[in-house]
Amino acid sequence: MKTLLIVYHSMTGGTLQMAQAAAAGARTESALHVSLLRAADAQATDVLDASGFIFATPENLAAISGKMKDFFDRTYYAVLDRLNGKPYAALICAGSDGRSAAQQIERIATGWRLKPIADPIIVCTHAQTAEEILRPKHIAEQELKPCEDLGATLASGIALGIW
């Protein structure tokens, strides 16, 4: 059975909600296994066993989170040249922008020779003070719906052999 691997990191819950919405959408495809893993738990074998990917991260200091960077650092060379052409998408939970984190994931995915299937989904929480940044997040349903739709689209494409 083909697998969609969703790797995420979340400190305040926003990115987790986005990743869970994508997983819920993907699980509508019965011909596919969905694996939702924290970045700290994901291993190179998980990456190699996957047919496609969603990478979900907060943007911290204009970059992907340190835990997400650690995931890529630990797995990058072990899977290099073994993922060529597999599909991926990205989810970013940002306080103000998100584009730098999205670009960073794009550069890593380009090195892995992954195929982007959609523009990154960036949810902006507008958190600008230390208190707002550290506060647990609640992502509105209308912002989670695109994440769910992305998960369903990627899962269907993998199951049908489109990507």
N, C-alpha and C. Protein backbone atom coordinates (compact mmCIF):
# COMPACT_ATOMS: atom_id res chain seq x y z
N MET A 1 0.84 -1.18 0.00
CA MET A 1 0.00 0.00 0.00
C MET A 1 0.88 1.24 0.00
N LYS A 2 0.51 2.22 -0.79
CA LYS A 2 1.26 3.48 -0.86
C LYS A 2 1.02 4.28 0.42
N THR A 3 2.01 5.13 0.75
CA THR A 3 1.96 5.91 1.99
C THR A 3 2.19 7.38 1.70
N LEU A 4 1.36 8.22 2.32
CA LEU A 4 1.60 9.66 2.36
C LEU A 4 2.18 9.96 3.73
N LEU A 5 3.38 10.49 3.75
CA LEU A 5 4.06 10.85 4.99
C LEU A 5 3.88 12.34 5.26
N ILE A 6 3.31 12.66 6.40
CA ILE A 6 3.17 14.05 6.83
C ILE A 6 4.10 14.24 8.02
N VAL A 7 5.12 15.05 7.83
CA VAL A 7 6.09 15.35 8.87
C VAL A 7 5.83 16.76 9.35
N TYR A 8 5.73 16.93 10.68
CA TYR A 8 5.38 18.25 11.21
C TYR A 8 6.17 18.55 12.49
N HIS A 9 6.25 19.82 12.78
CA HIS A 9 6.69 20.29 14.09
C HIS A 9 5.75 21.40 14.51
N SER A 10 5.39 21.40 15.78
CA SER A 10 4.48 22.42 16.29
C SER A 10 4.77 22.66 17.76
N MET A 11 4.93 23.91 18.14
CA MET A 11 5.13 24.26 19.56
C MET A 11 3.84 24.77 20.19
N THR A 12 3.05 25.48 19.42
CA THR A 12 1.86 26.12 20.01
C THR A 12 0.56 25.58 19.41
N GLY A 13 0.65 24.55 18.61
CA GLY A 13 -0.54 23.86 18.12
C GLY A 13 -1.04 24.26 16.75
N GLY A 14 -0.64 25.40 16.23
CA GLY A 14 -1.15 25.84 14.93
C GLY A 14 -0.74 24.92 13.80
N THR A 15 0.53 24.59 13.73
CA THR A 15 1.01 23.71 12.67
C THR A 15 0.43 22.31 12.82
N LEU A 16 0.29 21.84 14.06
CA LEU A 16 -0.31 20.53 14.29
C LEU A 16 -1.74 20.50 13.74
N GLN A 17 -2.51 21.55 13.98
CA GLN A 17 -3.88 21.59 13.46
C GLN A 17 -3.89 21.53 11.93
N MET A 18 -2.96 22.22 11.31
CA MET A 18 -2.86 22.20 9.85
C MET A 18 -2.50 20.79 9.36
N ALA A 19 -1.52 20.16 10.01
CA ALA A 19 -1.10 18.82 9.62
C ALA A 19 -2.23 17.81 9.84
N GLN A 20 -2.96 17.94 10.94
CA GLN A 20 -4.08 17.03 11.21
C GLN A 20 -5.19 17.21 10.18
N ALA A 21 -5.43 18.44 9.76
CA ALA A 21 -6.44 18.68 8.73
C ALA A 21 -6.02 18.03 7.42
N ALA A 22 -4.75 18.15 7.06
CA ALA A 22 -4.25 17.51 5.84
C ALA A 22 -4.37 15.99 5.95
N ALA A 23 -4.06 15.45 7.11
CA ALA A 23 -4.16 14.01 7.33
C ALA A 23 -5.62 13.55 7.22
N ALA A 24 -6.53 14.33 7.78
CA ALA A 24 -7.96 13.99 7.70
C ALA A 24 -8.41 13.96 6.24
N GLY A 25 -7.99 14.93 5.47
CA GLY A 25 -8.33 14.94 4.04
C GLY A 25 -7.74 13.76 3.32
N ALA A 26 -6.49 13.44 3.63
CA ALA A 26 -5.82 12.33 2.96
C ALA A 26 -6.46 10.99 3.32
N ARG A 27 -6.97 10.88 4.52
CA ARG A 27 -7.56 9.62 4.96
C ARG A 27 -8.89 9.31 4.27
N THR A 28 -9.40 10.24 3.48
CA THR A 28 -10.60 9.95 2.70
C THR A 28 -10.27 9.01 1.53
N GLU A 29 -8.99 8.85 1.25
CA GLU A 29 -8.52 7.95 0.20
C GLU A 29 -8.19 6.60 0.85
N SER A 30 -9.05 5.62 0.66
CA SER A 30 -8.89 4.33 1.34
C SER A 30 -7.73 3.50 0.79
N ALA A 31 -7.27 3.79 -0.38
CA ALA A 31 -6.20 3.00 -1.00
C ALA A 31 -4.82 3.50 -0.60
N LEU A 32 -4.76 4.31 0.46
CA LEU A 32 -3.50 4.94 0.84
C LEU A 32 -3.37 4.92 2.36
N HIS A 33 -2.18 4.66 2.84
CA HIS A 33 -1.88 4.78 4.27
C HIS A 33 -1.36 6.19 4.53
N VAL A 34 -1.85 6.82 5.58
CA VAL A 34 -1.38 8.15 5.97
C VAL A 34 -0.59 8.03 7.26
N SER A 35 0.64 8.51 7.22
CA SER A 35 1.52 8.49 8.38
C SER A 35 1.78 9.92 8.81
N LEU A 36 1.31 10.29 10.00
CA LEU A 36 1.50 11.63 10.56
C LEU A 36 2.55 11.52 11.66
N LEU A 37 3.74 12.06 11.40
CA LEU A 37 4.85 11.93 12.34
C LEU A 37 5.41 13.28 12.75
N ARG A 38 5.73 13.37 14.05
CA ARG A 38 6.47 14.55 14.51
C ARG A 38 7.85 14.52 13.88
N ALA A 39 8.38 15.67 13.57
CA ALA A 39 9.70 15.75 12.94
C ALA A 39 10.76 15.03 13.77
N ALA A 40 10.66 15.11 15.09
CA ALA A 40 11.64 14.46 15.96
C ALA A 40 11.59 12.94 15.86
N ASP A 41 10.45 12.39 15.44
CA ASP A 41 10.28 10.94 15.37
C ASP A 41 10.50 10.37 13.98
N ALA A 42 10.44 11.19 12.95
CA ALA A 42 10.55 10.71 11.57
C ALA A 42 11.99 10.32 11.26
N GLN A 43 12.13 9.19 10.60
CA GLN A 43 13.44 8.64 10.26
C GLN A 43 13.58 8.51 8.74
N ALA A 44 14.80 8.27 8.30
CA ALA A 44 15.05 8.09 6.87
C ALA A 44 14.23 6.93 6.31
N THR A 45 14.03 5.87 7.07
CA THR A 45 13.23 4.74 6.59
C THR A 45 11.78 5.17 6.33
N ASP A 46 11.25 6.07 7.15
CA ASP A 46 9.90 6.59 6.92
C ASP A 46 9.84 7.34 5.60
N VAL A 47 10.87 8.12 5.33
CA VAL A 47 10.94 8.90 4.10
C VAL A 47 11.04 7.95 2.89
N LEU A 48 11.90 6.96 2.99
CA LEU A 48 12.08 6.03 1.88
C LEU A 48 10.82 5.21 1.60
N ASP A 49 10.06 4.90 2.64
CA ASP A 49 8.85 4.10 2.48
C ASP A 49 7.66 4.90 1.94
N ALA A 50 7.78 6.20 1.89
CA ALA A 50 6.65 7.06 1.50
C ALA A 50 6.58 7.24 -0.01
N SER A 51 5.35 7.41 -0.47
CA SER A 51 5.08 7.68 -1.89
C SER A 51 4.92 9.16 -2.17
N GLY A 52 4.74 9.95 -1.11
CA GLY A 52 4.58 11.39 -1.22
C GLY A 52 4.66 12.01 0.17
N PHE A 53 4.75 13.35 0.21
CA PHE A 53 5.05 14.02 1.46
C PHE A 53 4.27 15.32 1.62
N ILE A 54 3.97 15.63 2.87
CA ILE A 54 3.57 16.98 3.27
C ILE A 54 4.48 17.35 4.42
N PHE A 55 5.14 18.49 4.28
CA PHE A 55 6.02 19.01 5.32
C PHE A 55 5.32 20.21 5.96
N ALA A 56 5.12 20.14 7.28
CA ALA A 56 4.38 21.19 7.99
C ALA A 56 5.24 21.75 9.12
N THR A 57 5.43 23.07 9.09
CA THR A 57 6.32 23.69 10.07
C THR A 57 5.84 25.10 10.41
N PRO A 58 6.14 25.53 11.64
CA PRO A 58 5.99 26.95 11.90
C PRO A 58 7.17 27.69 11.28
N GLU A 59 6.97 28.97 11.03
CA GLU A 59 8.11 29.79 10.64
C GLU A 59 8.64 30.43 11.90
N ASN A 60 9.88 30.12 12.22
CA ASN A 60 10.55 30.68 13.40
C ASN A 60 11.72 31.52 12.94
N LEU A 61 11.68 32.80 13.24
CA LEU A 61 12.79 33.69 12.89
C LEU A 61 13.10 33.61 11.40
N ALA A 62 12.06 33.64 10.58
CA ALA A 62 12.16 33.64 9.11
C ALA A 62 12.77 32.36 8.56
N ALA A 63 12.54 31.23 9.24
CA ALA A 63 13.06 29.95 8.79
C ALA A 63 12.14 28.82 9.27
N ILE A 64 12.37 27.62 8.73
CA ILE A 64 11.65 26.47 9.27
C ILE A 64 12.09 26.28 10.72
N SER A 65 11.30 25.58 11.50
CA SER A 65 11.65 25.37 12.90
C SER A 65 12.92 24.53 13.02
N GLY A 66 13.58 24.66 14.14
CA GLY A 66 14.80 23.89 14.37
C GLY A 66 14.56 22.39 14.33
N LYS A 67 13.42 21.94 14.86
CA LYS A 67 13.10 20.51 14.83
C LYS A 67 12.88 20.02 13.40
N MET A 68 12.28 20.86 12.57
CA MET A 68 12.09 20.48 11.17
C MET A 68 13.44 20.45 10.46
N LYS A 69 14.29 21.42 10.75
CA LYS A 69 15.64 21.44 10.18
C LYS A 69 16.40 20.19 10.60
N ASP A 70 16.25 19.80 11.87
CA ASP A 70 16.90 18.59 12.37
C ASP A 70 16.42 17.36 11.59
N PHE A 71 15.11 17.28 11.33
CA PHE A 71 14.58 16.17 10.53
C PHE A 71 15.27 16.11 9.17
N PHE A 72 15.33 17.24 8.48
CA PHE A 72 15.97 17.26 7.16
C PHE A 72 17.47 16.94 7.28
N ASP A 73 18.13 17.47 8.30
CA ASP A 73 19.55 17.18 8.49
C ASP A 73 19.80 15.68 8.71
N ARG A 74 18.94 15.03 9.50
CA ARG A 74 19.13 13.61 9.82
C ARG A 74 18.81 12.69 8.66
N THR A 75 17.94 13.11 7.77
CA THR A 75 17.48 12.20 6.71
C THR A 75 18.00 12.54 5.32
N TYR A 76 18.47 13.74 5.11
CA TYR A 76 18.76 14.24 3.77
C TYR A 76 19.67 13.32 2.97
N TYR A 77 20.86 13.05 3.46
CA TYR A 77 21.82 12.30 2.66
C TYR A 77 21.49 10.81 2.58
N ALA A 78 20.79 10.29 3.58
CA ALA A 78 20.41 8.88 3.56
C ALA A 78 19.40 8.56 2.46
N VAL A 79 18.65 9.57 2.02
CA VAL A 79 17.62 9.33 1.01
C VAL A 79 17.90 10.02 -0.33
N LEU A 80 18.98 10.78 -0.38
CA LEU A 80 19.32 11.53 -1.58
C LEU A 80 19.40 10.61 -2.80
N ASP A 81 18.80 11.06 -3.89
CA ASP A 81 18.74 10.32 -5.16
C ASP A 81 17.86 9.08 -5.10
N ARG A 82 17.05 8.96 -4.05
CA ARG A 82 16.15 7.81 -3.92
C ARG A 82 14.68 8.24 -3.87
N LEU A 83 14.45 9.54 -4.02
CA LEU A 83 13.08 10.08 -3.95
C LEU A 83 12.66 10.78 -5.23
N ASN A 84 13.52 10.80 -6.20
CA ASN A 84 13.32 11.61 -7.41
C ASN A 84 11.91 11.47 -7.97
N GLY A 85 11.26 12.62 -8.15
CA GLY A 85 9.95 12.68 -8.79
C GLY A 85 8.77 12.47 -7.86
N LYS A 86 9.00 12.13 -6.61
CA LYS A 86 7.87 11.94 -5.69
C LYS A 86 7.23 13.30 -5.38
N PRO A 87 5.92 13.32 -5.13
CA PRO A 87 5.22 14.58 -4.91
C PRO A 87 5.33 15.07 -3.46
N TYR A 88 5.25 16.39 -3.32
CA TYR A 88 5.24 16.96 -1.98
C TYR A 88 4.44 18.26 -1.98
N ALA A 89 4.09 18.66 -0.76
CA ALA A 89 3.47 19.96 -0.53
C ALA A 89 3.94 20.45 0.84
N ALA A 90 3.73 21.74 1.10
CA ALA A 90 4.18 22.33 2.36
C ALA A 90 3.07 23.13 3.03
N LEU A 91 3.06 23.07 4.36
CA LEU A 91 2.15 23.85 5.19
C LEU A 91 3.00 24.66 6.15
N ILE A 92 2.72 25.96 6.22
CA ILE A 92 3.49 26.86 7.07
C ILE A 92 2.53 27.63 7.98
N CYS A 93 2.81 27.63 9.27
CA CYS A 93 2.06 28.47 10.22
C CYS A 93 3.01 29.59 10.63
N ALA A 94 2.66 30.82 10.29
CA ALA A 94 3.57 31.95 10.48
C ALA A 94 2.89 33.06 11.27
N GLY A 95 3.71 33.82 11.96
CA GLY A 95 3.19 34.98 12.69
C GLY A 95 2.96 36.17 11.78
N SER A 96 3.79 36.32 10.75
CA SER A 96 3.63 37.50 9.91
C SER A 96 3.82 37.25 8.42
N ASP A 97 4.58 36.22 8.02
CA ASP A 97 4.89 36.10 6.60
C ASP A 97 4.88 34.67 6.10
N GLY A 98 5.85 33.87 6.45
CA GLY A 98 5.90 32.47 6.07
C GLY A 98 6.66 32.15 4.81
N ARG A 99 6.94 33.16 3.99
CA ARG A 99 7.57 32.88 2.69
C ARG A 99 8.99 32.33 2.81
N SER A 100 9.73 32.78 3.80
CA SER A 100 11.11 32.29 3.96
C SER A 100 11.13 30.81 4.30
N ALA A 101 10.25 30.38 5.18
CA ALA A 101 10.17 28.95 5.52
C ALA A 101 9.74 28.15 4.29
N ALA A 102 8.78 28.67 3.55
CA ALA A 102 8.32 27.98 2.34
C ALA A 102 9.47 27.86 1.33
N GLN A 103 10.26 28.91 1.17
CA GLN A 103 11.40 28.86 0.25
C GLN A 103 12.45 27.87 0.72
N GLN A 104 12.64 27.79 2.01
CA GLN A 104 13.63 26.86 2.55
C GLN A 104 13.20 25.41 2.26
N ILE A 105 11.93 25.09 2.47
CA ILE A 105 11.44 23.75 2.15
C ILE A 105 11.56 23.50 0.66
N GLU A 106 11.25 24.49 -0.16
CA GLU A 106 11.36 24.33 -1.61
C GLU A 106 12.80 23.99 -2.02
N ARG A 107 13.77 24.66 -1.41
CA ARG A 107 15.17 24.39 -1.75
C ARG A 107 15.57 22.97 -1.36
N ILE A 108 15.12 22.53 -0.18
CA ILE A 108 15.43 21.17 0.27
C ILE A 108 14.77 20.16 -0.66
N ALA A 109 13.50 20.38 -0.97
CA ALA A 109 12.76 19.47 -1.86
C ALA A 109 13.38 19.43 -3.25
N THR A 110 13.88 20.56 -3.72
CA THR A 110 14.56 20.59 -5.02
C THR A 110 15.80 19.70 -4.98
N GLY A 111 16.54 19.76 -3.88
CA GLY A 111 17.71 18.90 -3.73
C GLY A 111 17.35 17.43 -3.73
N TRP A 112 16.20 17.10 -3.14
CA TRP A 112 15.71 15.72 -3.13
C TRP A 112 15.04 15.37 -4.46
N ARG A 113 14.91 16.36 -5.34
CA ARG A 113 14.26 16.19 -6.64
C ARG A 113 12.81 15.77 -6.52
N LEU A 114 12.14 16.35 -5.50
CA LEU A 114 10.71 16.11 -5.32
C LEU A 114 9.93 17.00 -6.27
N LYS A 115 8.68 16.63 -6.51
CA LYS A 115 7.83 17.39 -7.41
C LYS A 115 6.76 18.13 -6.59
N PRO A 116 6.76 19.48 -6.64
CA PRO A 116 5.71 20.22 -5.92
C PRO A 116 4.37 20.03 -6.62
N ILE A 117 3.33 19.78 -5.84
CA ILE A 117 2.01 19.60 -6.46
C ILE A 117 1.08 20.79 -6.20
N ALA A 118 1.53 21.72 -5.36
CA ALA A 118 0.72 22.90 -5.06
C ALA A 118 1.63 23.96 -4.44
N ASP A 119 1.18 25.19 -4.49
CA ASP A 119 1.89 26.24 -3.77
C ASP A 119 1.77 25.97 -2.27
N PRO A 120 2.76 26.40 -1.48
CA PRO A 120 2.66 26.20 -0.04
C PRO A 120 1.42 26.90 0.52
N ILE A 121 0.82 26.27 1.51
CA ILE A 121 -0.29 26.91 2.23
C ILE A 121 0.31 27.58 3.45
N ILE A 122 0.14 28.88 3.53
CA ILE A 122 0.66 29.66 4.65
C ILE A 122 -0.52 30.25 5.41
N VAL A 123 -0.60 29.91 6.69
CA VAL A 123 -1.60 30.49 7.57
C VAL A 123 -0.88 31.50 8.46
N CYS A 124 -1.33 32.72 8.42
CA CYS A 124 -0.72 33.79 9.20
C CYS A 124 -1.55 34.05 10.46
N THR A 125 -0.93 33.89 11.62
CA THR A 125 -1.63 34.11 12.90
C THR A 125 -1.54 35.55 13.36
N HIS A 126 -0.68 36.34 12.75
CA HIS A 126 -0.46 37.74 13.10
C HIS A 126 0.07 37.91 14.53
N ALA A 127 0.69 36.87 15.07
CA ALA A 127 1.28 36.94 16.41
C ALA A 127 2.58 37.74 16.31
N GLN A 128 2.65 38.84 17.06
CA GLN A 128 3.82 39.72 16.96
C GLN A 128 4.51 39.98 18.29
N THR A 129 3.85 39.77 19.40
CA THR A 129 4.50 39.96 20.70
C THR A 129 4.91 38.60 21.25
N ALA A 130 5.81 38.61 22.22
CA ALA A 130 6.24 37.34 22.82
C ALA A 130 5.05 36.56 23.36
N GLU A 131 4.12 37.25 24.00
CA GLU A 131 2.95 36.59 24.56
C GLU A 131 2.08 35.96 23.47
N GLU A 132 1.86 36.70 22.38
CA GLU A 132 1.05 36.17 21.29
C GLU A 132 1.75 35.01 20.58
N ILE A 133 3.04 35.12 20.41
CA ILE A 133 3.80 34.08 19.73
C ILE A 133 3.77 32.78 20.53
N LEU A 134 3.90 32.86 21.84
CA LEU A 134 3.96 31.68 22.69
C LEU A 134 2.60 31.13 23.08
N ARG A 135 1.54 31.90 22.85
CA ARG A 135 0.18 31.47 23.21
C ARG A 135 -0.26 30.30 22.32
N PRO A 136 -0.97 29.31 22.89
CA PRO A 136 -1.52 28.24 22.07
C PRO A 136 -2.40 28.83 20.95
N LYS A 137 -2.27 28.26 19.76
CA LYS A 137 -2.98 28.78 18.59
C LYS A 137 -4.27 28.00 18.34
N HIS A 138 -5.22 28.70 17.78
CA HIS A 138 -6.45 28.08 17.27
C HIS A 138 -6.59 28.56 15.83
N ILE A 139 -6.50 27.61 14.90
CA ILE A 139 -6.61 27.94 13.48
C ILE A 139 -8.08 27.80 13.09
N ALA A 140 -8.61 28.82 12.47
CA ALA A 140 -10.02 28.83 12.08
C ALA A 140 -10.31 27.76 11.03
N GLU A 141 -11.53 27.26 11.07
CA GLU A 141 -11.95 26.21 10.14
C GLU A 141 -11.73 26.61 8.68
N GLN A 142 -12.01 27.86 8.33
CA GLN A 142 -11.84 28.29 6.94
C GLN A 142 -10.37 28.31 6.53
N GLU A 143 -9.46 28.36 7.49
CA GLU A 143 -8.03 28.28 7.16
C GLU A 143 -7.54 26.83 7.15
N LEU A 144 -8.25 25.95 7.85
CA LEU A 144 -7.89 24.53 7.85
C LEU A 144 -8.42 23.80 6.62
N LYS A 145 -9.50 24.29 6.05
CA LYS A 145 -10.13 23.63 4.89
C LYS A 145 -9.15 23.47 3.72
N PRO A 146 -8.37 24.48 3.36
CA PRO A 146 -7.39 24.27 2.28
C PRO A 146 -6.35 23.19 2.61
N CYS A 147 -6.00 23.06 3.89
CA CYS A 147 -5.06 22.02 4.30
C CYS A 147 -5.69 20.64 4.10
N GLU A 148 -6.95 20.53 4.49
CA GLU A 148 -7.69 19.28 4.29
C GLU A 148 -7.80 18.95 2.80
N ASP A 149 -8.15 19.94 2.01
CA ASP A 149 -8.28 19.74 0.56
C ASP A 149 -6.94 19.32 -0.06
N LEU A 150 -5.86 19.93 0.39
CA LEU A 150 -4.54 19.58 -0.11
C LEU A 150 -4.21 18.12 0.21
N GLY A 151 -4.49 17.71 1.45
CA GLY A 151 -4.25 16.32 1.83
C GLY A 151 -5.04 15.36 0.96
N ALA A 152 -6.32 15.67 0.71
CA ALA A 152 -7.16 14.82 -0.13
C ALA A 152 -6.65 14.77 -1.57
N THR A 153 -6.25 15.91 -2.09
CA THR A 153 -5.74 15.98 -3.46
C THR A 153 -4.45 15.18 -3.63
N LEU A 154 -3.52 15.39 -2.72
CA LEU A 154 -2.25 14.67 -2.80
C LEU A 154 -2.48 13.16 -2.66
N ALA A 155 -3.33 12.77 -1.71
CA ALA A 155 -3.60 11.36 -1.50
C ALA A 155 -4.25 10.72 -2.72
N SER A 156 -5.21 11.39 -3.31
CA SER A 156 -5.87 10.86 -4.50
C SER A 156 -4.90 10.73 -5.66
N GLY A 157 -4.07 11.74 -5.85
CA GLY A 157 -3.09 11.69 -6.93
C GLY A 157 -2.10 10.55 -6.75
N ILE A 158 -1.68 10.31 -5.52
CA ILE A 158 -0.76 9.20 -5.25
C ILE A 158 -1.46 7.87 -5.51
N ALA A 159 -2.67 7.73 -4.98
CA ALA A 159 -3.40 6.47 -5.13
C ALA A 159 -3.70 6.16 -6.60
N LEU A 160 -3.97 7.18 -7.39
CA LEU A 160 -4.28 6.98 -8.81
C LEU A 160 -3.04 6.88 -9.69
N GLY A 161 -1.88 7.12 -9.10
CA GLY A 161 -0.64 7.04 -9.87
C GLY A 161 -0.38 8.28 -10.72
N ILE A 162 -1.07 9.38 -10.42
CA ILE A 162 -0.87 10.62 -11.16
C ILE A 162 0.50 11.21 -10.85
N TRP A 163 0.91 11.12 -9.61
CA TRP A 163 2.22 11.64 -9.24
C TRP A 163 3.10 10.48 -8.85
